[in-house]
Amino acid sequence: MDLLRHKNAAGKSGFLDDQFVIAMPGMKDERFARSVIYICAHSDEGAMGLIINQTQQMLFPDLLVQLGIMNEQEAIRLPRQTRDFIVRNGGPVDRSRGFVLHTGDYRVESSLPVSDDICLTATVDILRAISAGRGPRQALMTLGYSGWGAGQLEGEIAENGWLTCPATPELLFDPDIEGKYSRALASIGIDLARFSQAAGHA
């Protein structure tokens, strides 16, 4: 979040802002195997992003109860769409903290713009709004985030750890979590079946 605040304060966009980084099939770090990460902020100081295709065991209504936003009886009566709102694993850093990536039609004082159309909000206000049906048109929520130090992500890309591609709202927000990895690769012309067989061969 600090990286994103600094970026907004400076009025600069990083090279990888609003992009996906996609783990190569040979990714050695199991935490990021087959992951698609949306980069929220990228600068000389480092990078911060959210994995969008890993789910948490925790259900959204359980999270609302745990945070004291509502009691169990209220959670049971939530509309199905809200009950089924998926909580994702955003990465290994600060895993007890929630982040909501969402369309720009919803903004509160704590919302930080990532692009013209996408914002990041990390306060309970947005969870209350979503539970009451007053939230953004499209949103995804993660617990935790992925972070890199200065020059670290660029180095990993140079060593063929990651591929990059432009982010699209369709791929970002649609509910097909299982298919995101192959679809992200397909968006840059890579067939996962052929790519996996070819990976690691000269």
N, C-alpha and C. Protein backbone atom coordinates (compact mmCIF):
# COMPACT_ATOMS: atom_id res chain seq x y z
N MET A 1 0.83 -1.21 0.00
CA MET A 1 0.00 0.00 0.00
C MET A 1 0.86 1.26 0.00
N ASP A 2 1.98 1.21 0.75
CA ASP A 2 2.86 2.38 0.81
C ASP A 2 3.42 2.71 -0.58
N LEU A 3 3.79 1.66 -1.32
CA LEU A 3 4.29 1.89 -2.68
C LEU A 3 3.25 2.58 -3.53
N LEU A 4 2.00 2.14 -3.38
CA LEU A 4 0.92 2.73 -4.17
C LEU A 4 0.66 4.18 -3.75
N ARG A 5 0.71 4.43 -2.44
CA ARG A 5 0.55 5.81 -1.96
C ARG A 5 1.66 6.71 -2.50
N HIS A 6 2.89 6.24 -2.45
CA HIS A 6 4.02 7.03 -2.94
C HIS A 6 3.89 7.31 -4.43
N LYS A 7 3.45 6.27 -5.17
CA LYS A 7 3.28 6.43 -6.61
C LYS A 7 2.24 7.50 -6.92
N ASN A 8 1.11 7.44 -6.20
CA ASN A 8 0.05 8.42 -6.43
C ASN A 8 0.48 9.83 -6.02
N ALA A 9 1.24 9.91 -4.92
CA ALA A 9 1.71 11.22 -4.46
C ALA A 9 2.68 11.83 -5.47
N ALA A 10 3.50 10.96 -6.08
CA ALA A 10 4.47 11.45 -7.06
C ALA A 10 3.85 11.69 -8.43
N GLY A 11 2.65 11.14 -8.63
CA GLY A 11 1.98 11.30 -9.92
C GLY A 11 2.64 10.56 -11.06
N LYS A 12 3.38 9.48 -10.70
CA LYS A 12 4.08 8.71 -11.73
C LYS A 12 3.51 7.30 -11.81
N SER A 13 3.59 6.72 -13.00
CA SER A 13 3.19 5.34 -13.18
C SER A 13 4.43 4.49 -13.44
N GLY A 14 4.48 3.32 -12.80
CA GLY A 14 5.59 2.41 -13.03
C GLY A 14 5.36 1.61 -14.30
N PHE A 15 6.43 1.03 -14.80
CA PHE A 15 6.39 0.27 -16.05
C PHE A 15 5.40 -0.88 -15.99
N LEU A 16 5.28 -1.54 -14.82
CA LEU A 16 4.42 -2.72 -14.71
C LEU A 16 3.08 -2.44 -14.03
N ASP A 17 2.79 -1.18 -13.71
CA ASP A 17 1.49 -0.85 -13.12
C ASP A 17 0.36 -1.32 -14.03
N ASP A 18 -0.70 -1.89 -13.43
CA ASP A 18 -1.88 -2.32 -14.18
C ASP A 18 -1.52 -3.39 -15.22
N GLN A 19 -0.53 -4.22 -14.89
CA GLN A 19 -0.15 -5.35 -15.74
C GLN A 19 -0.29 -6.64 -14.94
N PHE A 20 -0.37 -7.75 -15.66
CA PHE A 20 -0.26 -9.06 -15.01
C PHE A 20 1.17 -9.55 -15.14
N VAL A 21 1.67 -10.18 -14.08
CA VAL A 21 2.86 -11.01 -14.23
C VAL A 21 2.40 -12.45 -14.05
N ILE A 22 2.86 -13.32 -14.93
CA ILE A 22 2.40 -14.71 -14.99
C ILE A 22 3.59 -15.62 -14.70
N ALA A 23 3.44 -16.51 -13.72
CA ALA A 23 4.54 -17.41 -13.37
C ALA A 23 4.86 -18.35 -14.52
N MET A 24 6.14 -18.49 -14.83
CA MET A 24 6.56 -19.48 -15.82
C MET A 24 6.30 -20.88 -15.26
N PRO A 25 6.07 -21.87 -16.15
CA PRO A 25 5.80 -23.23 -15.67
C PRO A 25 6.89 -23.78 -14.75
N GLY A 26 8.11 -23.33 -14.91
CA GLY A 26 9.20 -23.83 -14.07
C GLY A 26 9.41 -23.05 -12.78
N MET A 27 8.45 -22.23 -12.37
CA MET A 27 8.58 -21.41 -11.16
C MET A 27 9.02 -22.26 -9.97
N LYS A 28 10.16 -21.91 -9.37
CA LYS A 28 10.72 -22.71 -8.28
C LYS A 28 10.01 -22.45 -6.94
N ASP A 29 9.50 -21.25 -6.74
CA ASP A 29 8.83 -20.91 -5.49
C ASP A 29 7.38 -21.42 -5.54
N GLU A 30 7.11 -22.46 -4.76
CA GLU A 30 5.79 -23.10 -4.79
C GLU A 30 4.65 -22.13 -4.47
N ARG A 31 4.94 -21.10 -3.68
CA ARG A 31 3.89 -20.14 -3.32
C ARG A 31 3.34 -19.42 -4.54
N PHE A 32 4.15 -19.35 -5.60
CA PHE A 32 3.74 -18.62 -6.80
C PHE A 32 3.52 -19.52 -8.01
N ALA A 33 3.53 -20.84 -7.81
CA ALA A 33 3.34 -21.77 -8.93
C ALA A 33 2.01 -21.49 -9.64
N ARG A 34 2.06 -21.37 -10.95
CA ARG A 34 0.88 -21.13 -11.81
C ARG A 34 0.08 -19.89 -11.38
N SER A 35 0.77 -18.92 -10.81
CA SER A 35 0.04 -17.73 -10.33
C SER A 35 -0.03 -16.64 -11.40
N VAL A 36 -1.12 -15.89 -11.32
CA VAL A 36 -1.30 -14.67 -12.11
C VAL A 36 -1.41 -13.54 -11.09
N ILE A 37 -0.53 -12.56 -11.19
CA ILE A 37 -0.49 -11.48 -10.20
C ILE A 37 -0.77 -10.15 -10.89
N TYR A 38 -1.70 -9.41 -10.32
CA TYR A 38 -2.00 -8.07 -10.81
C TYR A 38 -1.09 -7.09 -10.08
N ILE A 39 -0.29 -6.34 -10.83
CA ILE A 39 0.65 -5.39 -10.22
C ILE A 39 -0.06 -4.06 -9.96
N CYS A 40 -0.13 -3.71 -8.68
CA CYS A 40 -0.80 -2.46 -8.27
C CYS A 40 0.17 -1.28 -8.28
N ALA A 41 1.42 -1.54 -7.95
CA ALA A 41 2.40 -0.45 -7.90
C ALA A 41 3.78 -1.00 -8.22
N HIS A 42 4.51 -0.25 -9.05
CA HIS A 42 5.86 -0.64 -9.44
C HIS A 42 6.69 0.63 -9.58
N SER A 43 7.82 0.66 -8.89
CA SER A 43 8.69 1.84 -8.96
C SER A 43 10.12 1.40 -8.68
N ASP A 44 11.02 2.36 -8.60
CA ASP A 44 12.41 2.07 -8.26
C ASP A 44 12.53 1.45 -6.87
N GLU A 45 11.51 1.67 -6.03
CA GLU A 45 11.55 1.16 -4.66
C GLU A 45 11.11 -0.30 -4.56
N GLY A 46 10.45 -0.82 -5.59
CA GLY A 46 9.98 -2.20 -5.56
C GLY A 46 8.63 -2.33 -6.25
N ALA A 47 7.93 -3.42 -5.93
CA ALA A 47 6.63 -3.68 -6.56
C ALA A 47 5.70 -4.34 -5.56
N MET A 48 4.41 -4.13 -5.78
CA MET A 48 3.37 -4.71 -4.93
C MET A 48 2.23 -5.18 -5.82
N GLY A 49 1.76 -6.41 -5.59
CA GLY A 49 0.67 -6.92 -6.40
C GLY A 49 -0.15 -7.95 -5.64
N LEU A 50 -1.23 -8.41 -6.28
CA LEU A 50 -2.14 -9.38 -5.67
C LEU A 50 -2.29 -10.59 -6.59
N ILE A 51 -2.08 -11.78 -6.03
CA ILE A 51 -2.37 -13.01 -6.78
C ILE A 51 -3.88 -13.08 -6.97
N ILE A 52 -4.33 -13.30 -8.19
CA ILE A 52 -5.78 -13.29 -8.43
C ILE A 52 -6.36 -14.68 -8.69
N ASN A 53 -5.51 -15.72 -8.68
CA ASN A 53 -6.03 -17.05 -9.02
C ASN A 53 -5.71 -18.11 -7.98
N GLN A 54 -5.58 -17.68 -6.71
CA GLN A 54 -5.47 -18.63 -5.60
C GLN A 54 -6.55 -18.28 -4.58
N THR A 55 -7.26 -19.29 -4.12
CA THR A 55 -8.37 -19.04 -3.18
C THR A 55 -7.97 -19.37 -1.75
N GLN A 56 -8.68 -18.74 -0.81
CA GLN A 56 -8.54 -19.02 0.62
C GLN A 56 -9.62 -20.01 1.04
N GLN A 57 -9.38 -20.69 2.15
CA GLN A 57 -10.42 -21.57 2.71
C GLN A 57 -11.55 -20.74 3.32
N MET A 58 -11.21 -19.56 3.81
CA MET A 58 -12.22 -18.73 4.50
C MET A 58 -13.29 -18.22 3.54
N LEU A 59 -14.55 -18.30 3.97
CA LEU A 59 -15.66 -17.78 3.19
C LEU A 59 -15.92 -16.32 3.57
N PHE A 60 -16.45 -15.54 2.63
CA PHE A 60 -16.67 -14.12 2.87
C PHE A 60 -17.59 -13.86 4.07
N PRO A 61 -18.73 -14.58 4.21
CA PRO A 61 -19.58 -14.34 5.39
C PRO A 61 -18.83 -14.59 6.71
N ASP A 62 -17.98 -15.63 6.74
CA ASP A 62 -17.20 -15.91 7.95
C ASP A 62 -16.26 -14.76 8.28
N LEU A 63 -15.69 -14.16 7.24
CA LEU A 63 -14.80 -13.02 7.44
C LEU A 63 -15.56 -11.82 8.01
N LEU A 64 -16.76 -11.58 7.50
CA LEU A 64 -17.58 -10.47 7.99
C LEU A 64 -17.92 -10.66 9.48
N VAL A 65 -18.20 -11.91 9.85
CA VAL A 65 -18.50 -12.20 11.26
C VAL A 65 -17.25 -12.01 12.11
N GLN A 66 -16.12 -12.51 11.62
CA GLN A 66 -14.86 -12.42 12.36
C GLN A 66 -14.46 -10.96 12.60
N LEU A 67 -14.76 -10.10 11.63
CA LEU A 67 -14.41 -8.68 11.75
C LEU A 67 -15.45 -7.87 12.53
N GLY A 68 -16.54 -8.53 12.91
CA GLY A 68 -17.57 -7.84 13.68
C GLY A 68 -18.47 -6.95 12.84
N ILE A 69 -18.46 -7.15 11.52
CA ILE A 69 -19.31 -6.34 10.64
C ILE A 69 -20.76 -6.79 10.75
N MET A 70 -20.96 -8.07 11.01
CA MET A 70 -22.32 -8.59 11.22
C MET A 70 -22.23 -9.84 12.08
N ASN A 71 -23.39 -10.27 12.60
CA ASN A 71 -23.40 -11.50 13.38
C ASN A 71 -23.73 -12.70 12.46
N GLU A 72 -23.69 -13.90 13.03
CA GLU A 72 -23.87 -15.10 12.22
C GLU A 72 -25.25 -15.17 11.58
N GLN A 73 -26.27 -14.73 12.32
CA GLN A 73 -27.63 -14.75 11.76
C GLN A 73 -27.76 -13.83 10.55
N GLU A 74 -27.14 -12.65 10.66
CA GLU A 74 -27.16 -11.71 9.52
C GLU A 74 -26.39 -12.28 8.34
N ALA A 75 -25.28 -12.94 8.63
CA ALA A 75 -24.45 -13.52 7.57
C ALA A 75 -25.20 -14.60 6.80
N ILE A 76 -26.01 -15.38 7.51
CA ILE A 76 -26.79 -16.44 6.87
C ILE A 76 -27.80 -15.85 5.88
N ARG A 77 -28.30 -14.65 6.19
CA ARG A 77 -29.34 -14.03 5.35
C ARG A 77 -28.77 -13.20 4.19
N LEU A 78 -27.46 -13.19 4.03
CA LEU A 78 -26.87 -12.43 2.92
C LEU A 78 -27.36 -12.98 1.58
N PRO A 79 -27.48 -12.11 0.56
CA PRO A 79 -27.84 -12.61 -0.77
C PRO A 79 -26.77 -13.58 -1.26
N ARG A 80 -27.19 -14.50 -2.11
CA ARG A 80 -26.27 -15.55 -2.57
C ARG A 80 -25.01 -14.96 -3.20
N GLN A 81 -25.16 -13.92 -4.02
CA GLN A 81 -24.01 -13.32 -4.70
C GLN A 81 -22.95 -12.85 -3.69
N THR A 82 -23.42 -12.28 -2.57
CA THR A 82 -22.49 -11.82 -1.53
C THR A 82 -21.92 -12.99 -0.75
N ARG A 83 -22.75 -13.98 -0.46
CA ARG A 83 -22.27 -15.18 0.26
C ARG A 83 -21.17 -15.88 -0.53
N ASP A 84 -21.32 -15.86 -1.86
CA ASP A 84 -20.38 -16.58 -2.72
C ASP A 84 -19.16 -15.75 -3.14
N PHE A 85 -19.04 -14.53 -2.62
CA PHE A 85 -17.89 -13.67 -2.94
C PHE A 85 -16.62 -14.38 -2.45
N ILE A 86 -15.71 -14.66 -3.37
CA ILE A 86 -14.55 -15.50 -3.05
C ILE A 86 -13.45 -14.68 -2.39
N VAL A 87 -12.91 -15.23 -1.31
CA VAL A 87 -11.74 -14.62 -0.67
C VAL A 87 -10.51 -15.31 -1.22
N ARG A 88 -9.58 -14.53 -1.76
CA ARG A 88 -8.41 -15.11 -2.42
C ARG A 88 -7.14 -14.91 -1.59
N ASN A 89 -6.14 -15.68 -1.94
CA ASN A 89 -4.83 -15.54 -1.33
C ASN A 89 -4.01 -14.57 -2.19
N GLY A 90 -3.80 -13.36 -1.68
CA GLY A 90 -3.10 -12.35 -2.48
C GLY A 90 -1.60 -12.47 -2.50
N GLY A 91 -1.06 -13.27 -1.57
CA GLY A 91 0.39 -13.44 -1.51
C GLY A 91 0.85 -13.70 -0.10
N PRO A 92 2.15 -13.90 0.07
CA PRO A 92 2.68 -14.32 1.38
C PRO A 92 2.90 -13.20 2.38
N VAL A 93 2.73 -11.94 1.99
CA VAL A 93 3.02 -10.83 2.89
C VAL A 93 1.73 -10.35 3.57
N ASP A 94 1.79 -10.14 4.89
CA ASP A 94 0.67 -9.54 5.64
C ASP A 94 -0.64 -10.30 5.41
N ARG A 95 -0.62 -11.59 5.64
CA ARG A 95 -1.75 -12.44 5.26
C ARG A 95 -3.00 -12.26 6.11
N SER A 96 -2.89 -11.51 7.19
CA SER A 96 -4.09 -11.26 8.00
C SER A 96 -4.81 -9.99 7.54
N ARG A 97 -4.25 -9.30 6.57
CA ARG A 97 -4.82 -8.03 6.12
C ARG A 97 -5.57 -8.20 4.79
N GLY A 98 -6.73 -7.56 4.69
CA GLY A 98 -7.54 -7.68 3.49
C GLY A 98 -7.32 -6.53 2.51
N PHE A 99 -7.38 -6.86 1.22
CA PHE A 99 -7.25 -5.88 0.14
C PHE A 99 -8.37 -6.13 -0.86
N VAL A 100 -9.05 -5.07 -1.25
CA VAL A 100 -10.11 -5.20 -2.25
C VAL A 100 -9.72 -4.40 -3.49
N LEU A 101 -9.60 -5.11 -4.59
CA LEU A 101 -9.33 -4.49 -5.89
C LEU A 101 -10.67 -4.35 -6.58
N HIS A 102 -10.98 -3.17 -7.11
CA HIS A 102 -12.34 -2.96 -7.59
C HIS A 102 -12.41 -1.89 -8.68
N THR A 103 -13.56 -1.85 -9.34
CA THR A 103 -13.81 -0.85 -10.36
C THR A 103 -13.94 0.53 -9.71
N GLY A 104 -13.66 1.56 -10.50
CA GLY A 104 -13.59 2.92 -9.97
C GLY A 104 -14.91 3.58 -9.68
N ASP A 105 -16.04 2.85 -9.86
CA ASP A 105 -17.34 3.44 -9.56
C ASP A 105 -17.57 3.55 -8.05
N TYR A 106 -16.75 2.88 -7.25
CA TYR A 106 -16.82 2.99 -5.79
C TYR A 106 -15.50 3.59 -5.30
N ARG A 107 -15.60 4.68 -4.55
CA ARG A 107 -14.38 5.26 -3.97
C ARG A 107 -14.72 5.86 -2.61
N VAL A 108 -13.83 5.59 -1.65
CA VAL A 108 -13.89 6.25 -0.36
C VAL A 108 -12.54 6.95 -0.17
N GLU A 109 -12.41 7.65 0.92
CA GLU A 109 -11.19 8.43 1.13
C GLU A 109 -9.93 7.57 1.10
N SER A 110 -10.07 6.31 1.55
CA SER A 110 -8.90 5.43 1.61
C SER A 110 -8.62 4.69 0.30
N SER A 111 -9.49 4.85 -0.71
CA SER A 111 -9.27 4.17 -1.99
C SER A 111 -8.10 4.79 -2.74
N LEU A 112 -7.24 3.92 -3.26
CA LEU A 112 -6.07 4.39 -4.01
C LEU A 112 -6.21 3.95 -5.46
N PRO A 113 -6.17 4.89 -6.42
CA PRO A 113 -6.28 4.49 -7.82
C PRO A 113 -5.03 3.75 -8.30
N VAL A 114 -5.25 2.64 -9.00
CA VAL A 114 -4.16 1.90 -9.62
C VAL A 114 -4.06 2.33 -11.08
N SER A 115 -5.22 2.48 -11.72
CA SER A 115 -5.31 2.95 -13.10
C SER A 115 -6.54 3.85 -13.19
N ASP A 116 -6.90 4.25 -14.40
CA ASP A 116 -8.08 5.10 -14.57
C ASP A 116 -9.35 4.39 -14.11
N ASP A 117 -9.37 3.06 -14.22
CA ASP A 117 -10.60 2.31 -13.96
C ASP A 117 -10.56 1.41 -12.73
N ILE A 118 -9.37 1.20 -12.16
CA ILE A 118 -9.20 0.24 -11.07
C ILE A 118 -8.65 0.94 -9.82
N CYS A 119 -9.24 0.59 -8.67
CA CYS A 119 -8.78 1.13 -7.38
C CYS A 119 -8.50 -0.01 -6.41
N LEU A 120 -7.73 0.32 -5.38
CA LEU A 120 -7.45 -0.61 -4.30
C LEU A 120 -7.89 0.03 -2.99
N THR A 121 -8.70 -0.70 -2.22
CA THR A 121 -9.17 -0.21 -0.92
C THR A 121 -8.88 -1.28 0.11
N ALA A 122 -8.31 -0.87 1.25
CA ALA A 122 -7.91 -1.85 2.27
C ALA A 122 -8.52 -1.52 3.63
N THR A 123 -9.71 -0.92 3.63
CA THR A 123 -10.40 -0.63 4.89
C THR A 123 -11.73 -1.38 4.93
N VAL A 124 -12.29 -1.53 6.15
CA VAL A 124 -13.52 -2.32 6.29
C VAL A 124 -14.73 -1.62 5.67
N ASP A 125 -14.62 -0.33 5.35
CA ASP A 125 -15.75 0.39 4.74
C ASP A 125 -16.26 -0.35 3.51
N ILE A 126 -15.33 -0.81 2.69
CA ILE A 126 -15.74 -1.44 1.43
C ILE A 126 -16.39 -2.80 1.69
N LEU A 127 -15.95 -3.50 2.73
CA LEU A 127 -16.58 -4.78 3.07
C LEU A 127 -18.01 -4.57 3.54
N ARG A 128 -18.21 -3.51 4.32
CA ARG A 128 -19.58 -3.16 4.74
C ARG A 128 -20.45 -2.83 3.52
N ALA A 129 -19.88 -2.07 2.59
CA ALA A 129 -20.63 -1.67 1.39
C ALA A 129 -20.98 -2.90 0.55
N ILE A 130 -20.04 -3.81 0.37
CA ILE A 130 -20.29 -5.02 -0.41
C ILE A 130 -21.37 -5.86 0.26
N SER A 131 -21.29 -6.00 1.59
CA SER A 131 -22.27 -6.83 2.30
C SER A 131 -23.66 -6.21 2.26
N ALA A 132 -23.73 -4.88 2.11
CA ALA A 132 -25.03 -4.20 2.06
C ALA A 132 -25.52 -3.98 0.63
N GLY A 133 -24.78 -4.50 -0.36
CA GLY A 133 -25.17 -4.33 -1.76
C GLY A 133 -24.88 -2.95 -2.30
N ARG A 134 -24.00 -2.19 -1.64
CA ARG A 134 -23.67 -0.83 -2.09
C ARG A 134 -22.22 -0.74 -2.57
N GLY A 135 -21.63 -1.87 -2.84
CA GLY A 135 -20.21 -1.90 -3.21
C GLY A 135 -19.99 -1.60 -4.69
N PRO A 136 -18.76 -1.78 -5.14
CA PRO A 136 -18.42 -1.53 -6.54
C PRO A 136 -19.10 -2.53 -7.47
N ARG A 137 -19.18 -2.15 -8.73
CA ARG A 137 -19.79 -3.02 -9.75
C ARG A 137 -19.05 -4.36 -9.84
N GLN A 138 -17.72 -4.30 -9.81
CA GLN A 138 -16.90 -5.51 -9.85
C GLN A 138 -15.79 -5.38 -8.81
N ALA A 139 -15.49 -6.49 -8.15
CA ALA A 139 -14.45 -6.45 -7.12
C ALA A 139 -13.90 -7.85 -6.89
N LEU A 140 -12.68 -7.90 -6.37
CA LEU A 140 -12.12 -9.13 -5.85
C LEU A 140 -11.40 -8.81 -4.56
N MET A 141 -11.41 -9.76 -3.64
CA MET A 141 -10.78 -9.54 -2.33
C MET A 141 -9.70 -10.57 -2.08
N THR A 142 -8.59 -10.10 -1.52
CA THR A 142 -7.53 -11.02 -1.12
C THR A 142 -7.16 -10.78 0.34
N LEU A 143 -6.62 -11.81 0.95
CA LEU A 143 -5.92 -11.67 2.22
C LEU A 143 -4.44 -11.80 1.89
N GLY A 144 -3.64 -10.82 2.29
CA GLY A 144 -2.22 -10.81 1.95
C GLY A 144 -1.94 -10.22 0.59
N TYR A 145 -0.66 -9.95 0.36
CA TYR A 145 -0.24 -9.42 -0.95
C TYR A 145 1.14 -9.95 -1.30
N SER A 146 1.58 -9.68 -2.49
CA SER A 146 2.91 -10.09 -2.97
C SER A 146 3.77 -8.85 -3.10
N GLY A 147 4.97 -8.91 -2.57
CA GLY A 147 5.84 -7.73 -2.62
C GLY A 147 7.26 -8.09 -3.04
N TRP A 148 7.90 -7.14 -3.69
CA TRP A 148 9.28 -7.29 -4.14
C TRP A 148 10.08 -6.05 -3.75
N GLY A 149 11.33 -6.23 -3.40
CA GLY A 149 12.20 -5.11 -3.09
C GLY A 149 12.68 -4.42 -4.35
N ALA A 150 13.47 -3.38 -4.19
CA ALA A 150 13.98 -2.60 -5.33
C ALA A 150 14.72 -3.50 -6.31
N GLY A 151 14.27 -3.50 -7.57
CA GLY A 151 14.94 -4.26 -8.63
C GLY A 151 14.70 -5.76 -8.61
N GLN A 152 14.01 -6.27 -7.58
CA GLN A 152 13.84 -7.73 -7.44
C GLN A 152 12.96 -8.32 -8.53
N LEU A 153 11.80 -7.72 -8.78
CA LEU A 153 10.90 -8.26 -9.79
C LEU A 153 11.52 -8.18 -11.18
N GLU A 154 12.18 -7.07 -11.47
CA GLU A 154 12.85 -6.94 -12.78
C GLU A 154 13.89 -8.05 -12.96
N GLY A 155 14.61 -8.35 -11.88
CA GLY A 155 15.61 -9.42 -11.95
C GLY A 155 14.97 -10.78 -12.19
N GLU A 156 13.84 -11.04 -11.53
CA GLU A 156 13.15 -12.32 -11.71
C GLU A 156 12.59 -12.44 -13.12
N ILE A 157 12.13 -11.33 -13.69
CA ILE A 157 11.63 -11.35 -15.08
C ILE A 157 12.80 -11.62 -16.03
N ALA A 158 13.93 -10.97 -15.78
CA ALA A 158 15.12 -11.17 -16.64
C ALA A 158 15.61 -12.61 -16.59
N GLU A 159 15.39 -13.28 -15.46
CA GLU A 159 15.81 -14.69 -15.31
C GLU A 159 14.71 -15.65 -15.75
N ASN A 160 13.72 -15.14 -16.47
CA ASN A 160 12.62 -15.95 -17.01
C ASN A 160 11.74 -16.58 -15.92
N GLY A 161 11.59 -15.88 -14.79
CA GLY A 161 10.68 -16.37 -13.76
C GLY A 161 9.24 -15.99 -14.06
N TRP A 162 9.06 -14.86 -14.76
CA TRP A 162 7.73 -14.33 -15.02
C TRP A 162 7.60 -13.85 -16.47
N LEU A 163 6.38 -13.95 -16.97
CA LEU A 163 6.01 -13.28 -18.22
C LEU A 163 5.11 -12.10 -17.83
N THR A 164 5.00 -11.11 -18.70
CA THR A 164 4.11 -9.98 -18.42
C THR A 164 3.12 -9.81 -19.56
N CYS A 165 1.95 -9.27 -19.21
CA CYS A 165 0.96 -8.94 -20.24
C CYS A 165 0.03 -7.87 -19.69
N PRO A 166 -0.61 -7.09 -20.56
CA PRO A 166 -1.57 -6.08 -20.08
C PRO A 166 -2.73 -6.74 -19.34
N ALA A 167 -3.18 -6.10 -18.29
CA ALA A 167 -4.34 -6.60 -17.54
C ALA A 167 -5.63 -6.18 -18.23
N THR A 168 -6.63 -7.03 -18.17
CA THR A 168 -7.96 -6.69 -18.68
C THR A 168 -8.97 -6.88 -17.55
N PRO A 169 -10.02 -6.04 -17.49
CA PRO A 169 -11.04 -6.22 -16.44
C PRO A 169 -11.69 -7.60 -16.50
N GLU A 170 -11.85 -8.13 -17.73
CA GLU A 170 -12.50 -9.44 -17.88
C GLU A 170 -11.70 -10.51 -17.14
N LEU A 171 -10.40 -10.55 -17.38
CA LEU A 171 -9.56 -11.56 -16.76
C LEU A 171 -9.38 -11.29 -15.26
N LEU A 172 -9.37 -10.02 -14.91
CA LEU A 172 -9.19 -9.64 -13.51
C LEU A 172 -10.38 -10.06 -12.64
N PHE A 173 -11.59 -9.76 -13.11
CA PHE A 173 -12.76 -9.90 -12.25
C PHE A 173 -13.64 -11.11 -12.50
N ASP A 174 -13.49 -11.78 -13.63
CA ASP A 174 -14.43 -12.87 -13.87
C ASP A 174 -14.21 -14.00 -12.86
N PRO A 175 -15.26 -14.80 -12.59
CA PRO A 175 -15.20 -15.79 -11.50
C PRO A 175 -14.46 -17.08 -11.86
N ASP A 176 -14.00 -17.24 -13.08
CA ASP A 176 -13.31 -18.47 -13.49
C ASP A 176 -11.86 -18.46 -13.00
N ILE A 177 -11.69 -18.77 -11.72
CA ILE A 177 -10.36 -18.70 -11.11
C ILE A 177 -9.45 -19.79 -11.67
N GLU A 178 -9.98 -20.99 -11.84
CA GLU A 178 -9.19 -22.12 -12.34
C GLU A 178 -8.58 -21.83 -13.71
N GLY A 179 -9.34 -21.14 -14.57
CA GLY A 179 -8.89 -20.93 -15.94
C GLY A 179 -8.02 -19.71 -16.15
N LYS A 180 -7.79 -18.91 -15.12
CA LYS A 180 -7.08 -17.63 -15.32
C LYS A 180 -5.66 -17.82 -15.83
N TYR A 181 -4.97 -18.82 -15.32
CA TYR A 181 -3.56 -19.01 -15.71
C TYR A 181 -3.43 -19.28 -17.20
N SER A 182 -4.18 -20.26 -17.70
CA SER A 182 -4.08 -20.61 -19.12
C SER A 182 -4.62 -19.48 -19.99
N ARG A 183 -5.65 -18.77 -19.51
CA ARG A 183 -6.21 -17.68 -20.30
C ARG A 183 -5.26 -16.48 -20.35
N ALA A 184 -4.55 -16.22 -19.24
CA ALA A 184 -3.57 -15.14 -19.25
C ALA A 184 -2.46 -15.44 -20.25
N LEU A 185 -1.99 -16.70 -20.26
CA LEU A 185 -0.97 -17.08 -21.24
C LEU A 185 -1.52 -16.99 -22.66
N ALA A 186 -2.75 -17.44 -22.84
CA ALA A 186 -3.36 -17.38 -24.18
C ALA A 186 -3.49 -15.95 -24.69
N SER A 187 -3.66 -15.00 -23.76
CA SER A 187 -3.81 -13.59 -24.17
C SER A 187 -2.54 -13.04 -24.81
N ILE A 188 -1.41 -13.70 -24.57
CA ILE A 188 -0.16 -13.29 -25.24
C ILE A 188 0.31 -14.37 -26.22
N GLY A 189 -0.65 -15.20 -26.65
CA GLY A 189 -0.38 -16.15 -27.73
C GLY A 189 0.33 -17.42 -27.32
N ILE A 190 0.26 -17.79 -26.03
CA ILE A 190 0.96 -18.98 -25.57
C ILE A 190 -0.05 -20.06 -25.22
N ASP A 191 0.14 -21.24 -25.84
CA ASP A 191 -0.68 -22.42 -25.55
C ASP A 191 -0.01 -23.15 -24.39
N LEU A 192 -0.69 -23.25 -23.25
CA LEU A 192 -0.09 -23.83 -22.06
C LEU A 192 0.38 -25.26 -22.29
N ALA A 193 -0.39 -26.08 -23.02
CA ALA A 193 -0.01 -27.47 -23.24
C ALA A 193 1.33 -27.56 -23.97
N ARG A 194 1.49 -26.76 -25.01
CA ARG A 194 2.75 -26.79 -25.75
C ARG A 194 3.88 -26.14 -24.96
N PHE A 195 3.54 -25.08 -24.26
CA PHE A 195 4.55 -24.31 -23.51
C PHE A 195 5.15 -25.17 -22.40
N SER A 196 4.32 -25.95 -21.69
CA SER A 196 4.80 -26.78 -20.59
C SER A 196 5.76 -27.86 -21.10
N GLN A 197 5.44 -28.42 -22.26
CA GLN A 197 6.30 -29.46 -22.83
C GLN A 197 7.64 -28.87 -23.28
N ALA A 198 7.60 -27.62 -23.77
CA ALA A 198 8.81 -27.01 -24.29
C ALA A 198 9.67 -26.39 -23.19
N ALA A 199 9.07 -26.07 -22.05
CA ALA A 199 9.80 -25.37 -21.00
C ALA A 199 10.98 -26.20 -20.51
N GLY A 200 12.13 -25.55 -20.39
CA GLY A 200 13.31 -26.22 -19.87
C GLY A 200 14.14 -26.90 -20.94
N HIS A 201 13.71 -26.87 -22.20
CA HIS A 201 14.48 -27.47 -23.28
C HIS A 201 15.09 -26.39 -24.15
N ALA A 202 16.33 -26.60 -24.52
CA ALA A 202 17.03 -25.62 -25.37
C ALA A 202 16.68 -25.84 -26.81
